[in-house]
Amino acid sequence: MKRTLGVGLTLFLALPVGAADLGFAKKLAQEGDCYRAVSELLWIEYQEGPSPEIWAVKLPCLAQQRLWEEYDPTLELALRDPRTSAAQAKAWRLEGLEQAIQRQEGTKALALATALDPAQAQSFPLEPQDRLDPNRAKLASAFLPGSGLAYAGKWGPAGVSLALNALFLVGAKTAWDRGAPALTGLLLFFEWGWYQGGQNAAFEAATQHNRQALQQEQQTWLFEFNSRF
């Protein structure tokens, strides 16, 4: 019985995998079932080895599933393979460039852009034009609560931060004047936490501003870059 099962398994593994199986994987990918499509492609790769036909289906599926740890080495392997046509390599680089920009992987995006058009790649933005200094935002909030948030363009949260810090301080002074040291200490404790949190919020707001500004500039650059192809 065991011998029969072993022979059957050997014959099953030896079965040829052809266009029909790859076609099934393509169909799954077109239907949006990339999880099953990638599983089918891995099985085909196991039997036949990787190929440009497999990568053409696999790369978009990996991107759709945001499996970047697999996407990046697969793209690199596909671009190095001599069987990959120039047209296919160009299409994959353009797709990889778009994905790298969305992921804010500036170094990878620049490398792909350089391979496509070295002259145009020189204008690829790695820093936003109106970059804010997160440390300056944090320092500003240390001197005046809320000012760092205002520096980052967050006027609403800046006003709330200033008002709450003022309320805590006024409340602490009032409690002290009324002979309630325990309440004073409690209010100052919360004030200190809010004060520190405001500095961190200002730092993060400036960082987020830079991230969003850079992504917008890179998307604009990508639109102009794609218009040349």
C-alpha atoms as a PDB file:
ATOM      1  CA  MET A   1       0.000   0.000   0.000  1.00  0.00           C
ATOM      2  CA  LYS A   2       2.764   2.429   0.965  1.00  0.00           C
ATOM      3  CA  ARG A   3       4.653   1.522  -2.196  1.00  0.00           C
ATOM      4  CA  THR A   4       1.562   2.218  -4.308  1.00  0.00           C
ATOM      5  CA  LEU A   5       1.080   5.619  -2.668  1.00  0.00           C
ATOM      6  CA  GLY A   6       4.746   6.449  -3.158  1.00  0.00           C
ATOM      7  CA  VAL A   7       4.634   5.556  -6.852  1.00  0.00           C
ATOM      8  CA  GLY A   8       1.425   7.541  -7.290  1.00  0.00           C
ATOM      9  CA  LEU A   9       2.911  10.604  -5.623  1.00  0.00           C
ATOM     10  CA  THR A  10       6.043  10.350  -7.766  1.00  0.00           C
ATOM     11  CA  LEU A  11       3.970  10.166 -10.942  1.00  0.00           C
ATOM     12  CA  PHE A  12       1.869  13.125  -9.801  1.00  0.00           C
ATOM     13  CA  LEU A  13       4.927  15.269  -9.156  1.00  0.00           C
ATOM     14  CA  ALA A  14       6.324  14.277 -12.525  1.00  0.00           C
ATOM     15  CA  LEU A  15       3.228  15.384 -14.423  1.00  0.00           C
ATOM     16  CA  PRO A  16       4.079  18.163 -16.910  1.00  0.00           C
ATOM     17  CA  VAL A  17       2.780  21.620 -16.178  1.00  0.00           C
ATOM     18  CA  GLY A  18       1.900  23.578 -19.267  1.00  0.00           C
ATOM     19  CA  ALA A  19       0.083  26.584 -20.568  1.00  0.00           C
ATOM     20  CA  ALA A  20      -3.210  25.356 -19.148  1.00  0.00           C
ATOM     21  CA  ASP A  21      -1.924  25.722 -15.579  1.00  0.00           C
ATOM     22  CA  LEU A  22      -0.441  29.145 -16.268  1.00  0.00           C
ATOM     23  CA  GLY A  23      -3.704  30.105 -17.914  1.00  0.00           C
ATOM     24  CA  PHE A  24      -5.561  29.105 -14.769  1.00  0.00           C
ATOM     25  CA  ALA A  25      -3.239  31.291 -12.685  1.00  0.00           C
ATOM     26  CA  LYS A  26      -3.834  34.186 -15.081  1.00  0.00           C
ATOM     27  CA  LYS A  27      -7.579  33.693 -14.775  1.00  0.00           C
ATOM     28  CA  LEU A  28      -7.366  33.744 -10.988  1.00  0.00           C
ATOM     29  CA  ALA A  29      -5.308  36.943 -11.129  1.00  0.00           C
ATOM     30  CA  GLN A  30      -7.800  38.590 -13.492  1.00  0.00           C
ATOM     31  CA  GLU A  31     -10.597  37.678 -11.088  1.00  0.00           C
ATOM     32  CA  GLY A  32      -8.685  39.326  -8.247  1.00  0.00           C
ATOM     33  CA  ASP A  33      -7.849  36.072  -6.465  1.00  0.00           C
ATOM     34  CA  CYS A  34      -4.149  36.811  -6.273  1.00  0.00           C
ATOM     35  CA  TYR A  35      -3.597  34.614  -3.235  1.00  0.00           C
ATOM     36  CA  ARG A  36      -4.547  31.476  -5.161  1.00  0.00           C
ATOM     37  CA  ALA A  37      -2.866  32.769  -8.310  1.00  0.00           C
ATOM     38  CA  VAL A  38       0.474  33.145  -6.529  1.00  0.00           C
ATOM     39  CA  SER A  39       0.075  29.671  -5.033  1.00  0.00           C
ATOM     40  CA  GLU A  40      -0.452  28.243  -8.524  1.00  0.00           C
ATOM     41  CA  LEU A  41       2.551  30.157  -9.834  1.00  0.00           C
ATOM     42  CA  LEU A  42       4.769  28.886  -7.043  1.00  0.00           C
ATOM     43  CA  TRP A  43       3.780  25.334  -7.960  1.00  0.00           C
ATOM     44  CA  ILE A  44       4.613  25.969 -11.618  1.00  0.00           C
ATOM     45  CA  GLU A  45       7.943  27.525 -10.631  1.00  0.00           C
ATOM     46  CA  TYR A  46       8.714  24.486  -8.513  1.00  0.00           C
ATOM     47  CA  GLN A  47       8.234  22.181 -11.494  1.00  0.00           C
ATOM     48  CA  GLU A  48       9.451  24.290 -14.404  1.00  0.00           C
ATOM     49  CA  GLY A  49      11.509  27.054 -12.845  1.00  0.00           C
ATOM     50  CA  PRO A  50      10.869  30.806 -13.051  1.00  0.00           C
ATOM     51  CA  SER A  51      10.137  32.456 -16.378  1.00  0.00           C
ATOM     52  CA  PRO A  52       9.065  35.849 -17.755  1.00  0.00           C
ATOM     53  CA  GLU A  53       5.579  34.438 -18.365  1.00  0.00           C
ATOM     54  CA  ILE A  54       5.248  33.609 -14.680  1.00  0.00           C
ATOM     55  CA  TRP A  55       6.657  36.951 -13.536  1.00  0.00           C
ATOM     56  CA  ALA A  56       4.190  38.803 -15.762  1.00  0.00           C
ATOM     57  CA  VAL A  57       1.380  37.374 -13.622  1.00  0.00           C
ATOM     58  CA  LYS A  58       3.207  37.162 -10.318  1.00  0.00           C
ATOM     59  CA  LEU A  59       4.535  40.712 -10.017  1.00  0.00           C
ATOM     60  CA  PRO A  60       1.143  42.490 -10.212  1.00  0.00           C
ATOM     61  CA  CYS A  61      -0.303  39.969  -7.757  1.00  0.00           C
ATOM     62  CA  LEU A  62       2.501  40.509  -5.262  1.00  0.00           C
ATOM     63  CA  ALA A  63       1.991  44.261  -5.573  1.00  0.00           C
ATOM     64  CA  GLN A  64      -1.757  43.901  -5.068  1.00  0.00           C
ATOM     65  CA  GLN A  65      -1.158  41.897  -1.893  1.00  0.00           C
ATOM     66  CA  ARG A  66       1.543  44.363  -0.808  1.00  0.00           C
ATOM     67  CA  LEU A  67       4.030  41.532  -0.373  1.00  0.00           C
ATOM     68  CA  TRP A  68       7.009  43.826  -0.864  1.00  0.00           C
ATOM     69  CA  GLU A  69       9.538  41.436   0.661  1.00  0.00           C
ATOM     70  CA  GLU A  70       8.761  39.075  -2.210  1.00  0.00           C
ATOM     71  CA  TYR A  71       8.015  41.711  -4.841  1.00  0.00           C
ATOM     72  CA  ASP A  72      11.407  43.449  -4.737  1.00  0.00           C
ATOM     73  CA  PRO A  73      13.643  40.371  -5.194  1.00  0.00           C
ATOM     74  CA  THR A  74      11.248  38.953  -7.800  1.00  0.00           C
ATOM     75  CA  LEU A  75      11.419  42.187  -9.791  1.00  0.00           C
ATOM     76  CA  GLU A  76      15.203  42.254  -9.534  1.00  0.00           C
ATOM     77  CA  LEU A  77      15.417  38.643 -10.703  1.00  0.00           C
ATOM     78  CA  ALA A  78      13.049  39.311 -13.597  1.00  0.00           C
ATOM     79  CA  LEU A  79      15.022  42.341 -14.766  1.00  0.00           C
ATOM     80  CA  ARG A  80      18.323  40.440 -14.673  1.00  0.00           C
ATOM     81  CA  ASP A  81      17.015  37.449 -16.603  1.00  0.00           C
ATOM     82  CA  PRO A  82      18.255  37.443 -20.240  1.00  0.00           C
ATOM     83  CA  ARG A  83      14.922  35.987 -21.386  1.00  0.00           C
ATOM     84  CA  THR A  84      13.118  39.174 -20.371  1.00  0.00           C
ATOM     85  CA  SER A  85      12.470  41.334 -23.410  1.00  0.00           C
ATOM     86  CA  ALA A  86      13.373  45.010 -23.460  1.00  0.00           C
ATOM     87  CA  ALA A  87       9.706  45.972 -23.708  1.00  0.00           C
ATOM     88  CA  GLN A  88       8.760  43.787 -20.749  1.00  0.00           C
ATOM     89  CA  ALA A  89      11.665  45.088 -18.662  1.00  0.00           C
ATOM     90  CA  LYS A  90      10.579  48.643 -19.418  1.00  0.00           C
ATOM     91  CA  ALA A  91       6.991  47.908 -18.372  1.00  0.00           C
ATOM     92  CA  TRP A  92       8.121  46.228 -15.154  1.00  0.00           C
ATOM     93  CA  ARG A  93      10.453  49.095 -14.294  1.00  0.00           C
ATOM     94  CA  LEU A  94       7.639  51.600 -14.794  1.00  0.00           C
ATOM     95  CA  GLU A  95       5.353  49.528 -12.594  1.00  0.00           C
ATOM     96  CA  GLY A  96       8.076  49.096  -9.983  1.00  0.00           C
ATOM     97  CA  LEU A  97       8.772  52.831 -10.080  1.00  0.00           C
ATOM     98  CA  GLU A  98       5.136  53.615  -9.340  1.00  0.00           C
ATOM     99  CA  GLN A  99       5.050  51.094  -6.503  1.00  0.00           C
ATOM    100  CA  ALA A 100       8.277  52.454  -5.000  1.00  0.00           C
ATOM    101  CA  ILE A 101       6.878  55.992  -5.012  1.00  0.00           C
ATOM    102  CA  GLN A 102       3.665  54.861  -3.337  1.00  0.00           C
ATOM    103  CA  ARG A 103       5.744  53.098  -0.685  1.00  0.00           C
ATOM    104  CA  GLN A 104       7.974  56.174  -0.398  1.00  0.00           C
ATOM    105  CA  GLU A 105      11.054  54.130  -1.214  1.00  0.00           C
ATOM    106  CA  GLY A 106      12.933  57.018  -2.793  1.00  0.00           C
ATOM    107  CA  THR A 107      16.222  55.203  -3.361  1.00  0.00           C
ATOM    108  CA  LYS A 108      14.552  52.307  -5.183  1.00  0.00           C
ATOM    109  CA  ALA A 109      12.423  54.678  -7.226  1.00  0.00           C
ATOM    110  CA  LEU A 110      15.489  56.678  -8.251  1.00  0.00           C
ATOM    111  CA  ALA A 111      17.356  53.521  -9.301  1.00  0.00           C
ATOM    112  CA  LEU A 112      14.448  52.379 -11.480  1.00  0.00           C
ATOM    113  CA  ALA A 113      14.019  55.845 -12.980  1.00  0.00           C
ATOM    114  CA  THR A 114      17.733  56.015 -13.774  1.00  0.00           C
ATOM    115  CA  ALA A 115      17.554  52.692 -15.610  1.00  0.00           C
ATOM    116  CA  LEU A 116      14.650  54.033 -17.676  1.00  0.00           C
ATOM    117  CA  ASP A 117      15.872  57.565 -18.398  1.00  0.00           C
ATOM    118  CA  PRO A 118      19.067  58.784 -16.681  1.00  0.00           C
ATOM    119  CA  ALA A 119      18.549  62.388 -17.760  1.00  0.00           C
ATOM    120  CA  GLN A 120      15.008  62.649 -16.409  1.00  0.00           C
ATOM    121  CA  ALA A 121      15.935  60.761 -13.250  1.00  0.00           C
ATOM    122  CA  GLN A 122      18.185  63.638 -12.225  1.00  0.00           C
ATOM    123  CA  SER A 123      15.095  65.719 -11.454  1.00  0.00           C
ATOM    124  CA  PHE A 124      13.511  63.040  -9.249  1.00  0.00           C
ATOM    125  CA  PRO A 125      12.688  64.702  -5.897  1.00  0.00           C
ATOM    126  CA  LEU A 126      14.127  63.028  -2.814  1.00  0.00           C
ATOM    127  CA  GLU A 127      13.194  65.908  -0.492  1.00  0.00           C
ATOM    128  CA  PRO A 128      10.091  68.156  -0.585  1.00  0.00           C
ATOM    129  CA  GLN A 129      10.660  71.717  -1.713  1.00  0.00           C
ATOM    130  CA  ASP A 130       8.909  73.182   1.337  1.00  0.00           C
ATOM    131  CA  ARG A 131      10.446  70.796   3.842  1.00  0.00           C
ATOM    132  CA  LEU A 132       9.751  71.530   7.497  1.00  0.00           C
ATOM    133  CA  ASP A 133      12.228  70.824  10.277  1.00  0.00           C
ATOM    134  CA  PRO A 134      10.579  68.408  12.762  1.00  0.00           C
ATOM    135  CA  ASN A 135      13.113  69.316  15.447  1.00  0.00           C
ATOM    136  CA  ARG A 136      12.274  72.984  15.045  1.00  0.00           C
ATOM    137  CA  ALA A 137       8.584  72.158  15.408  1.00  0.00           C
ATOM    138  CA  LYS A 138       9.288  70.222  18.597  1.00  0.00           C
ATOM    139  CA  LEU A 139      11.474  73.001  20.001  1.00  0.00           C
ATOM    140  CA  ALA A 140       8.838  75.622  19.203  1.00  0.00           C
ATOM    141  CA  SER A 141       6.232  73.655  21.145  1.00  0.00           C
ATOM    142  CA  ALA A 142       8.657  73.418  24.049  1.00  0.00           C
ATOM    143  CA  PHE A 143       8.776  77.226  24.271  1.00  0.00           C
ATOM    144  CA  LEU A 144       5.096  77.835  23.494  1.00  0.00           C
ATOM    145  CA  PRO A 145       2.705  74.873  23.481  1.00  0.00           C
ATOM    146  CA  GLY A 146       0.912  74.569  20.155  1.00  0.00           C
ATOM    147  CA  SER A 147       3.336  76.741  18.184  1.00  0.00           C
ATOM    148  CA  GLY A 148       5.070  73.717  16.663  1.00  0.00           C
ATOM    149  CA  LEU A 149       1.729  72.407  15.428  1.00  0.00           C
ATOM    150  CA  ALA A 150       0.974  75.828  13.943  1.00  0.00           C
ATOM    151  CA  TYR A 151       4.376  75.733  12.218  1.00  0.00           C
ATOM    152  CA  ALA A 152       3.287  72.439  10.629  1.00  0.00           C
ATOM    153  CA  GLY A 153       0.006  73.979   9.479  1.00  0.00           C
ATOM    154  CA  LYS A 154      -2.159  72.284  12.127  1.00  0.00           C
ATOM    155  CA  TRP A 155      -3.881  75.406  13.415  1.00  0.00           C
ATOM    156  CA  GLY A 156      -6.841  73.667  15.023  1.00  0.00           C
ATOM    157  CA  PRO A 157      -4.786  71.221  17.123  1.00  0.00           C
ATOM    158  CA  ALA A 158      -2.377  74.081  17.886  1.00  0.00           C
ATOM    159  CA  GLY A 159      -5.157  76.117  19.491  1.00  0.00           C
ATOM    160  CA  VAL A 160      -6.416  73.118  21.450  1.00  0.00           C
ATOM    161  CA  SER A 161      -2.915  72.345  22.711  1.00  0.00           C
ATOM    162  CA  LEU A 162      -2.323  75.914  23.868  1.00  0.00           C
ATOM    163  CA  ALA A 163      -5.730  76.144  25.553  1.00  0.00           C
ATOM    164  CA  LEU A 164      -5.407  72.850  27.433  1.00  0.00           C
ATOM    165  CA  ASN A 165      -1.902  73.632  28.652  1.00  0.00           C
ATOM    166  CA  ALA A 166      -3.141  76.989  29.895  1.00  0.00           C
ATOM    167  CA  LEU A 167      -6.140  75.384  31.616  1.00  0.00           C
ATOM    168  CA  PHE A 168      -3.960  72.867  33.422  1.00  0.00           C
ATOM    169  CA  LEU A 169      -1.632  75.621  34.653  1.00  0.00           C
ATOM    170  CA  VAL A 170      -4.488  77.880  35.728  1.00  0.00           C
ATOM    171  CA  GLY A 171      -6.160  74.964  37.463  1.00  0.00           C
ATOM    172  CA  ALA A 172      -2.937  74.041  39.257  1.00  0.00           C
ATOM    173  CA  LYS A 173      -2.427  77.618  40.471  1.00  0.00           C
ATOM    174  CA  THR A 174      -6.042  77.861  41.619  1.00  0.00           C
ATOM    175  CA  ALA A 175      -5.740  74.582  43.519  1.00  0.00           C
ATOM    176  CA  TRP A 176      -2.530  75.774  45.179  1.00  0.00           C
ATOM    177  CA  ASP A 177      -4.085  79.085  46.191  1.00  0.00           C
ATOM    178  CA  ARG A 178      -6.966  77.181  47.772  1.00  0.00           C
ATOM    179  CA  GLY A 179      -4.639  75.005  49.793  1.00  0.00           C
ATOM    180  CA  ALA A 180      -5.024  71.780  47.805  1.00  0.00           C
ATOM    181  CA  PRO A 181      -1.450  70.598  47.163  1.00  0.00           C
ATOM    182  CA  ALA A 182      -2.547  67.085  46.186  1.00  0.00           C
ATOM    183  CA  LEU A 183      -4.821  68.412  43.451  1.00  0.00           C
ATOM    184  CA  THR A 184      -2.087  70.828  42.392  1.00  0.00           C
ATOM    185  CA  GLY A 185       0.368  67.985  41.976  1.00  0.00           C
ATOM    186  CA  LEU A 186      -2.162  65.917  40.046  1.00  0.00           C
ATOM    187  CA  LEU A 187      -2.924  68.767  37.636  1.00  0.00           C
ATOM    188  CA  LEU A 188       0.774  69.497  37.117  1.00  0.00           C
ATOM    189  CA  PHE A 189       1.373  65.812  36.465  1.00  0.00           C
ATOM    190  CA  PHE A 190      -1.233  65.814  33.703  1.00  0.00           C
ATOM    191  CA  GLU A 191       0.064  69.143  32.416  1.00  0.00           C
ATOM    192  CA  TRP A 192       3.579  67.756  32.103  1.00  0.00           C
ATOM    193  CA  GLY A 193       2.313  64.755  30.155  1.00  0.00           C
ATOM    194  CA  TRP A 194       0.260  66.964  27.848  1.00  0.00           C
ATOM    195  CA  TYR A 195       3.199  69.340  27.435  1.00  0.00           C
ATOM    196  CA  GLN A 196       5.527  66.502  26.396  1.00  0.00           C
ATOM    197  CA  GLY A 197       2.852  65.003  24.161  1.00  0.00           C
ATOM    198  CA  GLY A 198       2.411  68.334  22.399  1.00  0.00           C
ATOM    199  CA  GLN A 199       6.094  68.408  21.494  1.00  0.00           C
ATOM    200  CA  ASN A 200       5.952  64.896  20.076  1.00  0.00           C
ATOM    201  CA  ALA A 201       2.771  65.747  18.179  1.00  0.00           C
ATOM    202  CA  ALA A 202       4.494  68.769  16.623  1.00  0.00           C
ATOM    203  CA  PHE A 203       7.449  66.630  15.559  1.00  0.00           C
ATOM    204  CA  GLU A 204       5.119  64.057  13.991  1.00  0.00           C
ATOM    205  CA  ALA A 205       3.013  66.738  12.280  1.00  0.00           C
ATOM    206  CA  ALA A 206       6.088  68.218  10.590  1.00  0.00           C
ATOM    207  CA  THR A 207       7.272  64.743   9.588  1.00  0.00           C
ATOM    208  CA  GLN A 208       3.868  63.905   8.137  1.00  0.00           C
ATOM    209  CA  HIS A 209       3.816  67.201   6.245  1.00  0.00           C
ATOM    210  CA  ASN A 210       7.166  66.369   4.659  1.00  0.00           C
ATOM    211  CA  ARG A 211       6.019  62.855   3.791  1.00  0.00           C
ATOM    212  CA  GLN A 212       2.816  64.026   2.120  1.00  0.00           C
ATOM    213  CA  ALA A 213       4.498  66.910   0.306  1.00  0.00           C
ATOM    214  CA  LEU A 214       7.230  64.642  -1.027  1.00  0.00           C
ATOM    215  CA  GLN A 215       4.756  62.021  -2.202  1.00  0.00           C
ATOM    216  CA  GLN A 216       2.722  64.664  -4.021  1.00  0.00           C
ATOM    217  CA  GLU A 217       5.823  66.050  -5.731  1.00  0.00           C
ATOM    218  CA  GLN A 218       6.954  62.557  -6.705  1.00  0.00           C
ATOM    219  CA  GLN A 219       3.512  61.742  -8.105  1.00  0.00           C
ATOM    220  CA  THR A 220       3.637  64.921 -10.201  1.00  0.00           C
ATOM    221  CA  TRP A 221       7.114  63.981 -11.395  1.00  0.00           C
ATOM    222  CA  LEU A 222       5.908  60.459 -12.225  1.00  0.00           C
ATOM    223  CA  PHE A 223       3.005  61.797 -14.304  1.00  0.00           C
ATOM    224  CA  GLU A 224       5.387  63.923 -16.374  1.00  0.00           C
ATOM    225  CA  PHE A 225       7.873  61.054 -16.569  1.00  0.00           C
ATOM    226  CA  ASN A 226       5.251  58.584 -17.834  1.00  0.00           C
ATOM    227  CA  SER A 227       4.111  61.030 -20.505  1.00  0.00           C
ATOM    228  CA  ARG A 228       7.471  60.544 -22.216  1.00  0.00           C
ATOM    229  CA  PHE A 229       6.893  56.828 -22.763  1.00  0.00           C
END
